[in-house]
């Protein structure tokens, strides 16, 4: 059960954490000292680059497990 949580949690966290902080910046819950335009730009950048980085992590995670599966079963 713990291994399953780790395997599924890493890709979810790779997308979820930047998503949370990006939306928190856009909503104004984070970066209260920043100018609103800068905070909104930072929120968008965190969301976009967080999604790209999360996609890369998910693809890499999937690739690693495909290689492990191929090594065990093929």
PDB file of N, CA and C in Angstrom:
ATOM      1  N   UNK A   1       0.826  -1.192   0.000  1.00  0.00           N
ATOM      2  CA  UNK A   1       0.000   0.000   0.000  1.00  0.00           C
ATOM      3  C   UNK A   1       0.871   1.256   0.000  1.00  0.00           C
ATOM      4  N   UNK A   2       1.920   1.256   0.801  1.00  0.00           N
ATOM      5  CA  UNK A   2       2.804   2.419   0.857  1.00  0.00           C
ATOM      6  C   UNK A   2       3.513   2.625  -0.468  1.00  0.00           C
ATOM      7  N   UNK A   3       3.958   1.544  -1.085  1.00  0.00           N
ATOM      8  CA  UNK A   3       4.627   1.641  -2.376  1.00  0.00           C
ATOM      9  C   UNK A   3       3.686   2.196  -3.440  1.00  0.00           C
ATOM     10  N   UNK A   4       2.446   1.777  -3.420  1.00  0.00           N
ATOM     11  CA  UNK A   4       1.456   2.295  -4.365  1.00  0.00           C
ATOM     12  C   UNK A   4       1.228   3.785  -4.150  1.00  0.00           C
ATOM     13  N   UNK A   5       1.176   4.207  -2.903  1.00  0.00           N
ATOM     14  CA  UNK A   5       1.007   5.634  -2.608  1.00  0.00           C
ATOM     15  C   UNK A   5       2.190   6.444  -3.131  1.00  0.00           C
ATOM     16  N   UNK A   6       3.392   5.921  -2.983  1.00  0.00           N
ATOM     17  CA  UNK A   6       4.583   6.624  -3.469  1.00  0.00           C
ATOM     18  C   UNK A   6       4.572   6.678  -4.989  1.00  0.00           C
ATOM     19  N   UNK A   7       4.283   5.546  -5.623  1.00  0.00           N
ATOM     20  CA  UNK A   7       4.290   5.485  -7.088  1.00  0.00           C
ATOM     21  C   UNK A   7       3.260   6.436  -7.678  1.00  0.00           C
ATOM     22  N   UNK A   8       2.092   6.504  -7.119  1.00  0.00           N
ATOM     23  CA  UNK A   8       1.045   7.383  -7.639  1.00  0.00           C
ATOM     24  C   UNK A   8       1.163   8.804  -7.109  1.00  0.00           C
ATOM     25  N   UNK A   9       1.794   8.971  -5.958  1.00  0.00           N
ATOM     26  CA  UNK A   9       1.874  10.293  -5.339  1.00  0.00           C
ATOM     27  C   UNK A   9       2.892  11.225  -5.965  1.00  0.00           C
ATOM     28  N   UNK A  10       4.005  10.681  -6.439  1.00  0.00           N
ATOM     29  CA  UNK A  10       5.041  11.543  -7.018  1.00  0.00           C
ATOM     30  C   UNK A  10       4.541  12.270  -8.269  1.00  0.00           C
ATOM     31  N   UNK A  11       3.949  11.579  -9.262  1.00  0.00           N
ATOM     32  CA  UNK A  11       3.431  12.327 -10.414  1.00  0.00           C
ATOM     33  C   UNK A  11       2.297  13.289 -10.049  1.00  0.00           C
ATOM     34  N   UNK A  12       1.464  12.894  -9.100  1.00  0.00           N
ATOM     35  CA  UNK A  12       0.369  13.781  -8.686  1.00  0.00           C
ATOM     36  C   UNK A  12       0.922  15.030  -8.008  1.00  0.00           C
ATOM     37  N   UNK A  13       1.933  14.865  -7.179  1.00  0.00           N
ATOM     38  CA  UNK A  13       2.537  16.013  -6.502  1.00  0.00           C
ATOM     39  C   UNK A  13       3.281  16.912  -7.482  1.00  0.00           C
ATOM     40  N   UNK A  14       3.853  16.317  -8.526  1.00  0.00           N
ATOM     41  CA  UNK A  14       4.590  17.104  -9.522  1.00  0.00           C
ATOM     42  C   UNK A  14       3.685  18.084 -10.254  1.00  0.00           C
ATOM     43  N   UNK A  15       2.413  17.778 -10.352  1.00  0.00           N
ATOM     44  CA  UNK A  15       1.456  18.686 -10.978  1.00  0.00           C
ATOM     45  C   UNK A  15       0.677  19.473  -9.923  1.00  0.00           C
ATOM     46  N   UNK A  16       0.351  18.836  -8.818  1.00  0.00           N
ATOM     47  CA  UNK A  16      -0.499  19.454  -7.801  1.00  0.00           C
ATOM     48  C   UNK A  16       0.151  20.581  -7.025  1.00  0.00           C
ATOM     49  N   UNK A  17       1.425  20.439  -6.688  1.00  0.00           N
ATOM     50  CA  UNK A  17       2.096  21.469  -5.888  1.00  0.00           C
ATOM     51  C   UNK A  17       2.241  22.783  -6.662  1.00  0.00           C
ATOM     52  N   UNK A  18       2.766  22.761  -7.903  1.00  0.00           N
ATOM     53  CA  UNK A  18       2.792  24.029  -8.647  1.00  0.00           C
ATOM     54  C   UNK A  18       1.392  24.572  -8.934  1.00  0.00           C
ATOM     55  N   UNK A  19       0.437  23.663  -9.127  1.00  0.00           N
ATOM     56  CA  UNK A  19      -0.936  24.115  -9.350  1.00  0.00           C
ATOM     57  C   UNK A  19      -1.483  24.871  -8.152  1.00  0.00           C
ATOM     58  N   UNK A  20      -1.215  24.348  -6.961  1.00  0.00           N
ATOM     59  CA  UNK A  20      -1.672  25.019  -5.740  1.00  0.00           C
ATOM     60  C   UNK A  20      -1.025  26.395  -5.596  1.00  0.00           C
ATOM     61  N   UNK A  21       0.295  26.458  -5.751  1.00  0.00           N
ATOM     62  CA  UNK A  21       0.977  27.736  -5.560  1.00  0.00           C
ATOM     63  C   UNK A  21       0.650  28.734  -6.661  1.00  0.00           C
ATOM     64  N   UNK A  22       0.472  28.261  -7.888  1.00  0.00           N
ATOM     65  CA  UNK A  22       0.081  29.162  -8.967  1.00  0.00           C
ATOM     66  C   UNK A  22      -1.291  29.768  -8.728  1.00  0.00           C
ATOM     67  N   UNK A  23      -2.236  28.940  -8.317  1.00  0.00           N
ATOM     68  CA  UNK A  23      -3.580  29.456  -8.032  1.00  0.00           C
ATOM     69  C   UNK A  23      -3.594  30.332  -6.791  1.00  0.00           C
ATOM     70  N   UNK A  24      -2.756  30.006  -5.799  1.00  0.00           N
ATOM     71  CA  UNK A  24      -2.671  30.844  -4.605  1.00  0.00           C
ATOM     72  C   UNK A  24      -2.106  32.216  -4.954  1.00  0.00           C
ATOM     73  N   UNK A  25      -1.144  32.269  -5.869  1.00  0.00           N
ATOM     74  CA  UNK A  25      -0.632  33.570  -6.314  1.00  0.00           C
ATOM     75  C   UNK A  25      -1.707  34.352  -7.052  1.00  0.00           C
ATOM     76  N   UNK A  26      -2.427  33.689  -7.936  1.00  0.00           N
ATOM     77  CA  UNK A  26      -3.471  34.384  -8.690  1.00  0.00           C
ATOM     78  C   UNK A  26      -4.593  34.879  -7.783  1.00  0.00           C
ATOM     79  N   UNK A  27      -4.896  34.123  -6.737  1.00  0.00           N
ATOM     80  CA  UNK A  27      -5.962  34.520  -5.818  1.00  0.00           C
ATOM     81  C   UNK A  27      -5.510  35.570  -4.812  1.00  0.00           C
ATOM     82  N   UNK A  28      -4.189  35.752  -4.671  1.00  0.00           N
ATOM     83  CA  UNK A  28      -3.682  36.733  -3.722  1.00  0.00           C
ATOM     84  C   UNK A  28      -3.409  36.181  -2.340  1.00  0.00           C
ATOM     85  N   UNK A  29      -3.515  34.866  -2.167  1.00  0.00           N
ATOM     86  CA  UNK A  29      -3.243  34.267  -0.868  1.00  0.00           C
ATOM     87  C   UNK A  29      -1.746  34.158  -0.605  1.00  0.00           C
ATOM     88  N   UNK A  30      -0.947  34.146  -1.632  1.00  0.00           N
ATOM     89  CA  UNK A  30       0.516  34.137  -1.529  1.00  0.00           C
ATOM     90  C   UNK A  30       1.026  35.394  -2.233  1.00  0.00           C
ATOM     91  N   UNK A  31       2.200  35.843  -1.836  1.00  0.00           N
ATOM     92  CA  UNK A  31       2.815  37.005  -2.487  1.00  0.00           C
ATOM     93  C   UNK A  31       2.080  38.302  -2.222  1.00  0.00           C
ATOM     94  N   UNK A  32       1.631  38.507  -0.998  1.00  0.00           N
ATOM     95  CA  UNK A  32       0.842  39.696  -0.664  1.00  0.00           C
ATOM     96  C   UNK A  32       1.635  40.983  -0.824  1.00  0.00           C
ATOM     97  N   UNK A  33       2.961  40.907  -0.706  1.00  0.00           N
ATOM     98  CA  UNK A  33       3.775  42.120  -0.826  1.00  0.00           C
ATOM     99  C   UNK A  33       4.092  42.475  -2.278  1.00  0.00           C
ATOM    100  N   UNK A  34       3.766  41.584  -3.197  1.00  0.00           N
ATOM    101  CA  UNK A  34       4.057  41.821  -4.614  1.00  0.00           C
ATOM    102  C   UNK A  34       2.995  42.724  -5.228  1.00  0.00           C
ATOM    103  N   UNK A  35       3.401  43.452  -6.258  1.00  0.00           N
ATOM    104  CA  UNK A  35       2.446  44.239  -7.034  1.00  0.00           C
ATOM    105  C   UNK A  35       1.471  43.271  -7.697  1.00  0.00           C
ATOM    106  N   UNK A  36       0.183  43.596  -7.768  1.00  0.00           N
ATOM    107  CA  UNK A  36      -0.795  42.653  -8.317  1.00  0.00           C
ATOM    108  C   UNK A  36      -0.469  42.155  -9.729  1.00  0.00           C
ATOM    109  N   UNK A  37       0.042  43.029 -10.595  1.00  0.00           N
ATOM    110  CA  UNK A  37       0.370  42.594 -11.959  1.00  0.00           C
ATOM    111  C   UNK A  37       1.520  41.594 -11.948  1.00  0.00           C
ATOM    112  N   UNK A  38       2.519  41.837 -11.119  1.00  0.00           N
ATOM    113  CA  UNK A  38       3.659  40.932 -11.018  1.00  0.00           C
ATOM    114  C   UNK A  38       3.213  39.611 -10.397  1.00  0.00           C
ATOM    115  N   UNK A  39       2.369  39.695  -9.384  1.00  0.00           N
ATOM    116  CA  UNK A  39       1.868  38.477  -8.735  1.00  0.00           C
ATOM    117  C   UNK A  39       1.054  37.633  -9.717  1.00  0.00           C
ATOM    118  N   UNK A  40       0.215  38.274 -10.531  1.00  0.00           N
ATOM    119  CA  UNK A  40      -0.565  37.531 -11.514  1.00  0.00           C
ATOM    120  C   UNK A  40       0.318  36.917 -12.588  1.00  0.00           C
ATOM    121  N   UNK A  41       1.318  37.638 -13.033  1.00  0.00           N
ATOM    122  CA  UNK A  41       2.256  37.096 -14.013  1.00  0.00           C
ATOM    123  C   UNK A  41       3.019  35.912 -13.420  1.00  0.00           C
ATOM    124  N   UNK A  42       3.452  36.050 -12.179  1.00  0.00           N
ATOM    125  CA  UNK A  42       4.153  34.952 -11.517  1.00  0.00           C
ATOM    126  C   UNK A  42       3.244  33.743 -11.356  1.00  0.00           C
ATOM    127  N   UNK A  43       1.978  33.970 -11.040  1.00  0.00           N
ATOM    128  CA  UNK A  43       1.025  32.866 -10.907  1.00  0.00           C
ATOM    129  C   UNK A  43       0.843  32.109 -12.209  1.00  0.00           C
ATOM    130  N   UNK A  44       0.737  32.841 -13.298  1.00  0.00           N
ATOM    131  CA  UNK A  44       0.585  32.198 -14.607  1.00  0.00           C
ATOM    132  C   UNK A  44       1.845  31.418 -14.953  1.00  0.00           C
ATOM    133  N   UNK A  45       3.009  32.013 -14.711  1.00  0.00           N
ATOM    134  CA  UNK A  45       4.265  31.327 -15.017  1.00  0.00           C
ATOM    135  C   UNK A  45       4.423  30.061 -14.176  1.00  0.00           C
ATOM    136  N   UNK A  46       4.063  30.136 -12.901  1.00  0.00           N
ATOM    137  CA  UNK A  46       4.142  28.948 -12.041  1.00  0.00           C
ATOM    138  C   UNK A  46       3.205  27.862 -12.562  1.00  0.00           C
ATOM    139  N   UNK A  47       2.008  28.229 -12.981  1.00  0.00           N
ATOM    140  CA  UNK A  47       1.072  27.237 -13.501  1.00  0.00           C
ATOM    141  C   UNK A  47       1.572  26.608 -14.798  1.00  0.00           C
ATOM    142  N   UNK A  48       2.033  27.440 -15.724  1.00  0.00           N
ATOM    143  CA  UNK A  48       2.468  26.926 -17.024  1.00  0.00           C
ATOM    144  C   UNK A  48       3.717  26.068 -16.879  1.00  0.00           C
ATOM    145  N   UNK A  49       4.763  26.620 -16.235  1.00  0.00           N
ATOM    146  CA  UNK A  49       5.992  25.857 -16.105  1.00  0.00           C
ATOM    147  C   UNK A  49       5.835  24.681 -15.137  1.00  0.00           C
ATOM    148  N   UNK A  50       4.967  24.805 -14.159  1.00  0.00           N
ATOM    149  CA  UNK A  50       4.681  23.685 -13.278  1.00  0.00           C
ATOM    150  C   UNK A  50       4.000  22.549 -14.018  1.00  0.00           C
ATOM    151  N   UNK A  51       3.081  22.890 -14.932  1.00  0.00           N
ATOM    152  CA  UNK A  51       2.433  21.863 -15.737  1.00  0.00           C
ATOM    153  C   UNK A  51       3.438  21.180 -16.657  1.00  0.00           C
ATOM    154  N   UNK A  52       4.334  21.964 -17.275  1.00  0.00           N
ATOM    155  CA  UNK A  52       5.353  21.386 -18.154  1.00  0.00           C
ATOM    156  C   UNK A  52       6.290  20.477 -17.354  1.00  0.00           C
ATOM    157  N   UNK A  53       6.768  20.962 -16.213  1.00  0.00           N
ATOM    158  CA  UNK A  53       7.663  20.154 -15.384  1.00  0.00           C
ATOM    159  C   UNK A  53       6.950  18.904 -14.868  1.00  0.00           C
ATOM    160  N   UNK A  54       5.705  19.036 -14.474  1.00  0.00           N
ATOM    161  CA  UNK A  54       4.932  17.883 -14.016  1.00  0.00           C
ATOM    162  C   UNK A  54       4.715  16.865 -15.123  1.00  0.00           C
ATOM    163  N   UNK A  55       4.495  17.345 -16.335  1.00  0.00           N
ATOM    164  CA  UNK A  55       4.346  16.436 -17.472  1.00  0.00           C
ATOM    165  C   UNK A  55       5.634  15.686 -17.748  1.00  0.00           C
ATOM    166  N   UNK A  56       6.755  16.367 -17.637  1.00  0.00           N
ATOM    167  CA  UNK A  56       8.050  15.716 -17.836  1.00  0.00           C
ATOM    168  C   UNK A  56       8.283  14.657 -16.765  1.00  0.00           C
ATOM    169  N   UNK A  57       7.960  14.981 -15.525  1.00  0.00           N
ATOM    170  CA  UNK A  57       8.116  14.015 -14.437  1.00  0.00           C
ATOM    171  C   UNK A  57       7.212  12.811 -14.667  1.00  0.00           C
ATOM    172  N   UNK A  58       5.973  13.052 -15.059  1.00  0.00           N
ATOM    173  CA  UNK A  58       5.058  11.943 -15.305  1.00  0.00           C
ATOM    174  C   UNK A  58       5.534  11.070 -16.458  1.00  0.00           C
ATOM    175  N   UNK A  59       6.010  11.678 -17.525  1.00  0.00           N
ATOM    176  CA  UNK A  59       6.520  10.910 -18.654  1.00  0.00           C
ATOM    177  C   UNK A  59       7.741  10.091 -18.232  1.00  0.00           C
ATOM    178  N   UNK A  60       8.656  10.697 -17.491  1.00  0.00           N
ATOM    179  CA  UNK A  60       9.837   9.984 -17.016  1.00  0.00           C
ATOM    180  C   UNK A  60       9.473   8.844 -16.092  1.00  0.00           C
ATOM    181  N   UNK A  61       8.520   9.075 -15.214  1.00  0.00           N
ATOM    182  CA  UNK A  61       8.060   8.046 -14.279  1.00  0.00           C
ATOM    183  C   UNK A  61       7.459   6.879 -15.053  1.00  0.00           C
ATOM    184  N   UNK A  62       6.634   7.196 -16.055  1.00  0.00           N
ATOM    185  CA  UNK A  62       6.022   6.161 -16.883  1.00  0.00           C
ATOM    186  C   UNK A  62       7.104   5.391 -17.640  1.00  0.00           C
ATOM    187  N   UNK A  63       8.087   6.063 -18.189  1.00  0.00           N
ATOM    188  CA  UNK A  63       9.177   5.433 -18.930  1.00  0.00           C
ATOM    189  C   UNK A  63       9.970   4.479 -18.038  1.00  0.00           C
ATOM    190  N   UNK A  64      10.289   4.913 -16.821  1.00  0.00           N
ATOM    191  CA  UNK A  64      11.045   4.068 -15.892  1.00  0.00           C
ATOM    192  C   UNK A  64      10.270   2.790 -15.580  1.00  0.00           C
ATOM    193  N   UNK A  65       8.978   2.913 -15.317  1.00  0.00           N
ATOM    194  CA  UNK A  65       8.206   1.730 -14.973  1.00  0.00           C
ATOM    195  C   UNK A  65       7.966   0.831 -16.178  1.00  0.00           C
ATOM    196  N   UNK A  66       7.930   1.381 -17.370  1.00  0.00           N
ATOM    197  CA  UNK A  66       7.855   0.542 -18.568  1.00  0.00           C
ATOM    198  C   UNK A  66       9.133  -0.264 -18.729  1.00  0.00           C
ATOM    199  N   UNK A  67      10.294   0.365 -18.466  1.00  0.00           N
ATOM    200  CA  UNK A  67      11.570  -0.342 -18.550  1.00  0.00           C
ATOM    201  C   UNK A  67      11.669  -1.435 -17.484  1.00  0.00           C
ATOM    202  N   UNK A  68      11.202  -1.153 -16.286  1.00  0.00           N
ATOM    203  CA  UNK A  68      11.207  -2.159 -15.222  1.00  0.00           C
ATOM    204  C   UNK A  68      10.304  -3.325 -15.598  1.00  0.00           C
ATOM    205  N   UNK A  69       9.127  -3.009 -16.118  1.00  0.00           N
ATOM    206  CA  UNK A  69       8.192  -4.072 -16.534  1.00  0.00           C
ATOM    207  C   UNK A  69       8.803  -4.921 -17.639  1.00  0.00           C
ATOM    208  N   UNK A  70       9.425  -4.278 -18.607  1.00  0.00           N
ATOM    209  CA  UNK A  70      10.041  -5.021 -19.708  1.00  0.00           C
ATOM    210  C   UNK A  70      11.191  -5.901 -19.202  1.00  0.00           C
ATOM    211  N   UNK A  71      11.938  -5.420 -18.243  1.00  0.00           N
ATOM    212  CA  UNK A  71      13.051  -6.202 -17.702  1.00  0.00           C
ATOM    213  C   UNK A  71      12.563  -7.421 -16.915  1.00  0.00           C
ATOM    214  N   UNK A  72      11.416  -7.291 -16.282  1.00  0.00           N
ATOM    215  CA  UNK A  72      10.909  -8.400 -15.464  1.00  0.00           C
ATOM    216  C   UNK A  72      10.155  -9.418 -16.315  1.00  0.00           C
ATOM    217  N   UNK A  73       9.283  -8.949 -17.206  1.00  0.00           N
ATOM    218  CA  UNK A  73       8.372  -9.851 -17.898  1.00  0.00           C
ATOM    219  C   UNK A  73       8.797 -10.236 -19.306  1.00  0.00           C
ATOM    220  N   UNK A  74       9.735  -9.548 -19.904  1.00  0.00           N
ATOM    221  CA  UNK A  74      10.143  -9.881 -21.276  1.00  0.00           C
ATOM    222  C   UNK A  74      11.443 -10.623 -21.320  1.00  0.00           C
TER     223      UNK A  74
END
